[in-house]
Amino acid sequence: MSSHATIEQGHSRFGSTLRSRRIRLVLGIVALEGALVLLDVIPWWTVLVIAVAAFALYMGPARASRHAAVREGAWIAAVSQLVVVLVPAAALVLTTLALILIVVVAIGALALLVLDRR
C-alpha cells in the first residue's frame, strides 16, 4: 500500500510543505535574525521597516492570493519579522531581571556577612 500525501484543493505541494513547517521556519528566521539584531549587525529600525512591509504585504495582496504558497510565505515573513521586532525588548527585560537577581543575591550575601557573629 502506498502512502501519498493528500493535497487540499487550491494548495500546491510547496504550499502544503510551507504550512506544515511554518512554525519551524519562523523560529529559525527569528533565531538567526534576532542574533544579528542583538549583535548590531542589522539595525533595529531596519527590522521595524521590514516588519511593517511584511505585515502590509500579508494583510493586503498575499492574504487574498489564491496560491497557498504565497499566503503561507507571506504569513511566515510577517510573523517572523514581527517577532524579531520584539527581540530587543525581550533582551532588555531579561537583562533587567538578571540584574535584579544579582542585586538580591548580593544583598543576601552581604546580610549574611554582616550578621555573622564570629
Protein backbone atom coordinates (compact mmCIF):
# COMPACT_ATOMS: atom_id res chain seq x y z
CA MET A 1 0.00 0.00 0.00
CA SER A 2 1.48 3.37 -0.97
CA SER A 3 1.03 6.41 1.18
CA HIS A 4 0.66 9.63 -0.77
CA ALA A 5 0.15 12.93 0.97
CA THR A 6 -3.23 14.40 0.22
CA ILE A 7 -3.07 17.92 -1.11
CA GLU A 8 -6.06 20.08 -0.33
CA GLN A 9 -7.88 21.76 -3.18
CA GLY A 10 -6.21 25.03 -4.10
CA HIS A 11 -2.96 24.04 -2.37
CA SER A 12 0.27 23.10 -4.06
CA ARG A 13 2.72 20.60 -2.63
CA PHE A 14 5.06 23.50 -1.84
CA GLY A 15 2.25 25.44 -0.13
CA SER A 16 1.36 22.41 1.97
CA THR A 17 5.02 21.92 2.91
CA LEU A 18 5.30 25.56 3.98
CA ARG A 19 2.12 25.26 6.05
CA SER A 20 3.29 22.12 7.83
CA ARG A 21 6.71 23.62 8.65
CA ARG A 22 5.84 27.27 9.15
CA ILE A 23 6.45 27.41 12.92
CA ARG A 24 9.84 25.76 12.49
CA LEU A 25 10.70 28.20 9.71
CA VAL A 26 9.58 31.19 11.80
CA LEU A 27 11.68 30.04 14.78
CA GLY A 28 14.74 29.56 12.57
CA ILE A 29 14.38 33.00 11.00
CA VAL A 30 13.81 34.62 14.40
CA ALA A 31 16.86 32.91 15.92
CA LEU A 32 19.17 33.94 13.08
CA GLU A 33 17.85 37.45 12.54
CA GLY A 34 17.36 38.08 16.26
CA ALA A 35 21.01 37.27 16.89
CA LEU A 36 22.03 39.65 14.09
CA VAL A 37 19.89 42.41 15.63
CA LEU A 38 21.30 41.83 19.13
CA LEU A 39 24.85 41.91 17.74
CA ASP A 40 24.08 45.19 15.91
CA VAL A 41 24.76 43.66 12.51
CA ILE A 42 21.25 44.67 11.45
CA PRO A 43 19.87 47.94 12.86
CA TRP A 44 16.60 47.60 14.78
CA TRP A 45 14.86 50.30 12.75
CA THR A 46 15.57 48.32 9.56
CA VAL A 47 13.85 45.30 11.08
CA LEU A 48 10.93 47.53 12.04
CA VAL A 49 10.54 48.81 8.47
CA ILE A 50 10.74 45.26 7.09
CA ALA A 51 8.17 44.06 9.65
CA VAL A 52 5.72 46.80 8.65
CA ALA A 53 6.21 45.95 4.97
CA ALA A 54 5.81 42.19 5.55
CA PHE A 55 2.66 42.75 7.62
CA ALA A 56 1.19 45.03 4.96
CA LEU A 57 2.03 42.50 2.25
CA TYR A 58 0.33 39.71 4.17
CA MET A 59 -2.76 41.73 5.09
CA GLY A 60 -3.09 43.05 1.54
CA PRO A 61 -2.41 41.10 -1.62
CA ALA A 62 -0.91 37.92 -0.15
CA ARG A 63 -3.87 37.10 2.07
CA ALA A 64 -6.22 37.39 -0.88
CA SER A 65 -3.98 35.31 -3.15
CA ARG A 66 -5.38 32.08 -4.49
CA HIS A 67 -1.93 30.49 -4.25
CA ALA A 68 -1.30 28.78 -0.91
CA ALA A 69 2.48 29.18 -1.22
CA VAL A 70 2.11 32.96 -1.49
CA ARG A 71 -0.21 33.11 1.53
CA GLU A 72 2.00 30.84 3.64
CA GLY A 73 5.24 32.56 2.62
CA ALA A 74 3.81 35.98 3.43
CA TRP A 75 2.49 34.70 6.78
CA ILE A 76 5.92 33.28 7.65
CA ALA A 77 7.62 36.55 6.68
CA ALA A 78 5.15 38.71 8.63
CA VAL A 79 5.20 36.63 11.82
CA SER A 80 8.97 36.19 11.85
CA GLN A 81 9.62 39.89 11.32
CA LEU A 82 7.12 40.94 13.98
CA VAL A 83 8.72 38.57 16.49
CA VAL A 84 12.21 39.86 15.60
CA VAL A 85 10.98 43.38 16.40
CA LEU A 86 10.28 42.12 19.93
CA VAL A 87 13.74 40.56 20.42
CA PRO A 88 15.48 43.73 21.71
CA ALA A 89 12.61 44.36 24.14
CA ALA A 90 12.79 40.76 25.40
CA ALA A 91 16.57 41.08 25.79
CA LEU A 92 16.11 44.27 27.81
CA VAL A 93 13.54 42.63 30.10
CA LEU A 94 15.72 39.55 30.63
CA THR A 95 18.80 41.69 31.29
CA THR A 96 16.87 43.75 33.84
CA LEU A 97 15.60 40.62 35.58
CA ALA A 98 19.13 39.18 35.69
CA LEU A 99 20.48 42.40 37.22
CA ILE A 100 17.71 42.41 39.83
CA LEU A 101 18.53 38.80 40.71
CA ILE A 102 22.24 39.62 41.04
CA VAL A 103 21.47 42.57 43.33
CA VAL A 104 19.15 40.47 45.51
CA VAL A 105 21.78 37.72 45.84
CA ALA A 106 24.48 40.31 46.64
CA ILE A 107 22.29 41.92 49.32
CA GLY A 108 21.59 38.49 50.80
CA ALA A 109 25.29 37.60 50.85
CA LEU A 110 26.15 40.97 52.39
CA ALA A 111 23.49 40.48 55.07
CA LEU A 112 24.93 37.05 55.92
CA LEU A 113 28.41 38.53 56.29
CA VAL A 114 27.30 41.50 58.37
CA LEU A 115 25.10 39.40 60.65
CA ASP A 116 27.78 36.75 61.19
CA ARG A 117 28.64 36.89 64.91
CA ARG A 118 32.02 35.15 64.87
